[in-house]
Amino acid sequence: MTHSEWQQLQALIAKLSPLERHELIDQLLSSSAADSESAAALVAQRSAWNSLLAELDRLPVEGPADGFSASDHDSLLYGRRP
């Protein structure tokens, strides 16, 4: 796949909703089942994916109300000024 094709694919994926992205990944995992070395490996991958999704769902939707912005965070972490 060329760099241009990757960019087009990334742009398309960026337009998907979170649910559509999950469905896409589920389809990719399903389509790779034929290429998998074993059913156990596929089950482990699906379990890991589901665990990751559950962990992401537990993250807060918004940052804390402590006045420390994302820009402040980046400035502190990377030494950049907004």
N, C-alpha and C. Protein backbone atom coordinates (compact mmCIF):
# COMPACT_ATOMS: atom_id res chain seq x y z
N MET A 1 0.85 -1.17 0.00
CA MET A 1 0.00 0.00 0.00
C MET A 1 0.89 1.23 0.00
N THR A 2 0.56 2.18 -0.83
CA THR A 2 1.37 3.38 -0.94
C THR A 2 1.05 4.35 0.21
N HIS A 3 1.94 5.33 0.38
CA HIS A 3 1.73 6.34 1.42
C HIS A 3 0.42 7.09 1.19
N SER A 4 0.15 7.41 -0.06
CA SER A 4 -1.08 8.12 -0.42
C SER A 4 -2.32 7.28 -0.08
N GLU A 5 -2.25 6.00 -0.34
CA GLU A 5 -3.37 5.11 -0.03
C GLU A 5 -3.59 5.02 1.49
N TRP A 6 -2.48 4.99 2.24
CA TRP A 6 -2.60 4.97 3.71
C TRP A 6 -3.25 6.26 4.20
N GLN A 7 -2.87 7.39 3.62
CA GLN A 7 -3.45 8.66 4.03
C GLN A 7 -4.95 8.69 3.74
N GLN A 8 -5.34 8.17 2.59
CA GLN A 8 -6.76 8.12 2.24
C GLN A 8 -7.52 7.23 3.22
N LEU A 9 -6.92 6.10 3.57
CA LEU A 9 -7.54 5.18 4.52
C LEU A 9 -7.66 5.83 5.90
N GLN A 10 -6.62 6.51 6.34
CA GLN A 10 -6.66 7.19 7.63
C GLN A 10 -7.73 8.29 7.65
N ALA A 11 -7.87 9.02 6.55
CA ALA A 11 -8.89 10.06 6.47
C ALA A 11 -10.29 9.45 6.54
N LEU A 12 -10.48 8.32 5.89
CA LEU A 12 -11.76 7.64 5.92
C LEU A 12 -12.07 7.15 7.33
N ILE A 13 -11.10 6.55 7.99
CA ILE A 13 -11.29 6.04 9.35
C ILE A 13 -11.58 7.18 10.32
N ALA A 14 -10.94 8.32 10.12
CA ALA A 14 -11.16 9.47 11.00
C ALA A 14 -12.61 9.95 10.95
N LYS A 15 -13.30 9.71 9.85
CA LYS A 15 -14.69 10.14 9.71
C LYS A 15 -15.67 9.19 10.39
N LEU A 16 -15.21 8.01 10.79
CA LEU A 16 -16.10 7.02 11.40
C LEU A 16 -16.42 7.39 12.84
N SER A 17 -17.60 7.03 13.27
CA SER A 17 -17.97 7.21 14.66
C SER A 17 -17.24 6.15 15.49
N PRO A 18 -17.16 6.31 16.81
CA PRO A 18 -16.52 5.29 17.64
C PRO A 18 -17.15 3.90 17.44
N LEU A 19 -18.47 3.85 17.34
CA LEU A 19 -19.15 2.57 17.14
C LEU A 19 -18.75 1.96 15.79
N GLU A 20 -18.69 2.78 14.76
CA GLU A 20 -18.28 2.28 13.44
C GLU A 20 -16.84 1.79 13.46
N ARG A 21 -15.98 2.46 14.22
CA ARG A 21 -14.59 2.01 14.34
C ARG A 21 -14.53 0.65 15.02
N HIS A 22 -15.32 0.47 16.09
CA HIS A 22 -15.35 -0.83 16.78
C HIS A 22 -15.84 -1.92 15.83
N GLU A 23 -16.87 -1.60 15.04
CA GLU A 23 -17.39 -2.56 14.08
C GLU A 23 -16.35 -2.90 13.02
N LEU A 24 -15.61 -1.91 12.57
CA LEU A 24 -14.55 -2.13 11.59
C LEU A 24 -13.49 -3.08 12.16
N ILE A 25 -13.08 -2.83 13.38
CA ILE A 25 -12.06 -3.67 14.00
C ILE A 25 -12.59 -5.08 14.19
N ASP A 26 -13.86 -5.21 14.59
CA ASP A 26 -14.46 -6.53 14.74
C ASP A 26 -14.45 -7.27 13.41
N GLN A 27 -14.79 -6.56 12.33
CA GLN A 27 -14.77 -7.18 11.00
C GLN A 27 -13.36 -7.59 10.60
N LEU A 28 -12.38 -6.75 10.91
CA LEU A 28 -10.99 -7.09 10.57
C LEU A 28 -10.53 -8.32 11.35
N LEU A 29 -10.89 -8.37 12.63
CA LEU A 29 -10.53 -9.55 13.43
C LEU A 29 -11.20 -10.80 12.88
N SER A 30 -12.46 -10.67 12.49
CA SER A 30 -13.19 -11.82 11.95
C SER A 30 -12.58 -12.29 10.64
N SER A 31 -12.21 -11.33 9.79
CA SER A 31 -11.65 -11.70 8.49
C SER A 31 -10.26 -12.31 8.63
N SER A 32 -9.58 -11.99 9.73
CA SER A 32 -8.25 -12.56 9.91
C SER A 32 -8.31 -13.93 10.57
N ALA A 33 -9.50 -14.38 10.93
CA ALA A 33 -9.63 -15.69 11.59
C ALA A 33 -9.09 -16.80 10.70
N ALA A 34 -9.30 -16.68 9.39
CA ALA A 34 -8.82 -17.71 8.48
C ALA A 34 -7.30 -17.74 8.43
N ASP A 35 -6.68 -16.57 8.70
CA ASP A 35 -5.23 -16.48 8.66
C ASP A 35 -4.59 -16.83 10.00
N SER A 36 -5.41 -16.94 11.03
CA SER A 36 -4.90 -17.19 12.37
C SER A 36 -4.31 -18.58 12.47
N GLU A 37 -3.26 -18.70 13.25
CA GLU A 37 -2.62 -20.01 13.43
C GLU A 37 -3.51 -20.95 14.23
N SER A 38 -4.30 -20.40 15.12
CA SER A 38 -5.18 -21.27 15.91
C SER A 38 -6.39 -20.50 16.40
N ALA A 39 -7.42 -21.21 16.72
CA ALA A 39 -8.62 -20.58 17.26
C ALA A 39 -8.33 -19.97 18.62
N ALA A 40 -7.43 -20.56 19.37
CA ALA A 40 -7.08 -20.04 20.69
C ALA A 40 -6.45 -18.65 20.58
N ALA A 41 -5.64 -18.44 19.56
CA ALA A 41 -5.01 -17.14 19.36
C ALA A 41 -6.08 -16.09 19.06
N LEU A 42 -7.07 -16.44 18.26
CA LEU A 42 -8.14 -15.51 17.93
C LEU A 42 -8.97 -15.19 19.18
N VAL A 43 -9.26 -16.19 19.98
CA VAL A 43 -10.01 -15.97 21.21
C VAL A 43 -9.23 -15.04 22.14
N ALA A 44 -7.92 -15.24 22.24
CA ALA A 44 -7.09 -14.38 23.09
C ALA A 44 -7.08 -12.95 22.58
N GLN A 45 -7.02 -12.78 21.25
CA GLN A 45 -7.04 -11.43 20.67
C GLN A 45 -8.37 -10.74 20.94
N ARG A 46 -9.46 -11.47 20.77
CA ARG A 46 -10.78 -10.88 21.03
C ARG A 46 -10.93 -10.52 22.51
N SER A 47 -10.43 -11.37 23.37
CA SER A 47 -10.51 -11.10 24.80
C SER A 47 -9.71 -9.85 25.15
N ALA A 48 -8.51 -9.73 24.59
CA ALA A 48 -7.67 -8.57 24.83
C ALA A 48 -8.35 -7.30 24.30
N TRP A 49 -8.96 -7.40 23.13
CA TRP A 49 -9.66 -6.25 22.55
C TRP A 49 -10.82 -5.83 23.45
N ASN A 50 -11.61 -6.80 23.89
CA ASN A 50 -12.75 -6.49 24.77
C ASN A 50 -12.29 -5.89 26.09
N SER A 51 -11.17 -6.37 26.62
CA SER A 51 -10.62 -5.81 27.85
C SER A 51 -10.20 -4.36 27.64
N LEU A 52 -9.57 -4.09 26.50
CA LEU A 52 -9.16 -2.73 26.18
C LEU A 52 -10.37 -1.81 26.07
N LEU A 53 -11.41 -2.25 25.38
CA LEU A 53 -12.61 -1.44 25.24
C LEU A 53 -13.25 -1.17 26.61
N ALA A 54 -13.28 -2.17 27.47
CA ALA A 54 -13.84 -1.98 28.81
C ALA A 54 -13.02 -0.97 29.60
N GLU A 55 -11.69 -1.05 29.47
CA GLU A 55 -10.82 -0.10 30.16
C GLU A 55 -11.04 1.32 29.64
N LEU A 56 -11.17 1.46 28.34
CA LEU A 56 -11.43 2.78 27.75
C LEU A 56 -12.77 3.34 28.21
N ASP A 57 -13.76 2.47 28.34
CA ASP A 57 -15.08 2.92 28.80
C ASP A 57 -15.04 3.43 30.24
N ARG A 58 -14.09 2.96 31.04
CA ARG A 58 -13.98 3.40 32.43
C ARG A 58 -13.27 4.75 32.56
N LEU A 59 -12.62 5.22 31.50
CA LEU A 59 -11.92 6.50 31.57
C LEU A 59 -12.93 7.64 31.64
N PRO A 60 -12.59 8.72 32.35
CA PRO A 60 -13.51 9.85 32.41
C PRO A 60 -13.66 10.51 31.03
N VAL A 61 -14.85 10.98 30.76
CA VAL A 61 -15.13 11.61 29.48
C VAL A 61 -14.51 13.00 29.44
N GLU A 62 -14.49 13.68 30.56
CA GLU A 62 -13.95 15.02 30.63
C GLU A 62 -12.83 15.06 31.64
N GLY A 63 -11.96 16.02 31.47
CA GLY A 63 -10.87 16.20 32.41
C GLY A 63 -11.38 16.75 33.73
N PRO A 64 -10.57 16.64 34.76
CA PRO A 64 -10.97 17.17 36.06
C PRO A 64 -11.08 18.69 36.01
N ALA A 65 -11.85 19.24 36.92
CA ALA A 65 -12.08 20.69 36.95
C ALA A 65 -11.05 21.36 37.84
N ASP A 66 -9.78 21.01 37.67
CA ASP A 66 -8.73 21.58 38.51
C ASP A 66 -8.02 22.76 37.84
N GLY A 67 -8.48 23.14 36.64
CA GLY A 67 -7.88 24.28 35.96
C GLY A 67 -6.61 23.94 35.20
N PHE A 68 -6.19 22.69 35.21
CA PHE A 68 -4.98 22.26 34.51
C PHE A 68 -5.39 21.75 33.14
N SER A 69 -5.19 22.58 32.11
CA SER A 69 -5.66 22.25 30.77
C SER A 69 -4.74 21.27 30.06
N ALA A 70 -5.23 20.77 28.95
CA ALA A 70 -4.42 19.89 28.11
C ALA A 70 -3.19 20.64 27.60
N SER A 71 -3.37 21.91 27.30
CA SER A 71 -2.26 22.75 26.85
C SER A 71 -1.21 22.89 27.96
N ASP A 72 -1.68 23.07 29.20
CA ASP A 72 -0.76 23.14 30.34
C ASP A 72 0.01 21.83 30.48
N HIS A 73 -0.71 20.74 30.30
CA HIS A 73 -0.09 19.41 30.39
C HIS A 73 1.01 19.26 29.35
N ASP A 74 0.69 19.61 28.10
CA ASP A 74 1.68 19.49 27.03
C ASP A 74 2.88 20.41 27.27
N SER A 75 2.60 21.59 27.76
CA SER A 75 3.68 22.54 28.04
C SER A 75 4.62 21.97 29.10
N LEU A 76 4.04 21.38 30.14
CA LEU A 76 4.86 20.79 31.20
C LEU A 76 5.61 19.57 30.71
N LEU A 77 4.91 18.71 29.99
CA LEU A 77 5.50 17.46 29.55
C LEU A 77 6.53 17.63 28.44
N TYR A 78 6.22 18.50 27.47
CA TYR A 78 7.07 18.64 26.29
C TYR A 78 7.87 19.94 26.26
N GLY A 79 7.65 20.79 27.24
CA GLY A 79 8.39 22.04 27.28
C GLY A 79 7.95 23.05 26.24
N ARG A 80 6.74 22.90 25.75
CA ARG A 80 6.22 23.79 24.72
C ARG A 80 5.30 24.81 25.36
N ARG A 81 5.27 25.95 24.75
CA ARG A 81 4.33 26.99 25.17
C ARG A 81 3.22 27.07 24.14
N PRO A 82 1.97 27.18 24.59
CA PRO A 82 0.86 27.28 23.64
C PRO A 82 0.91 28.58 22.85
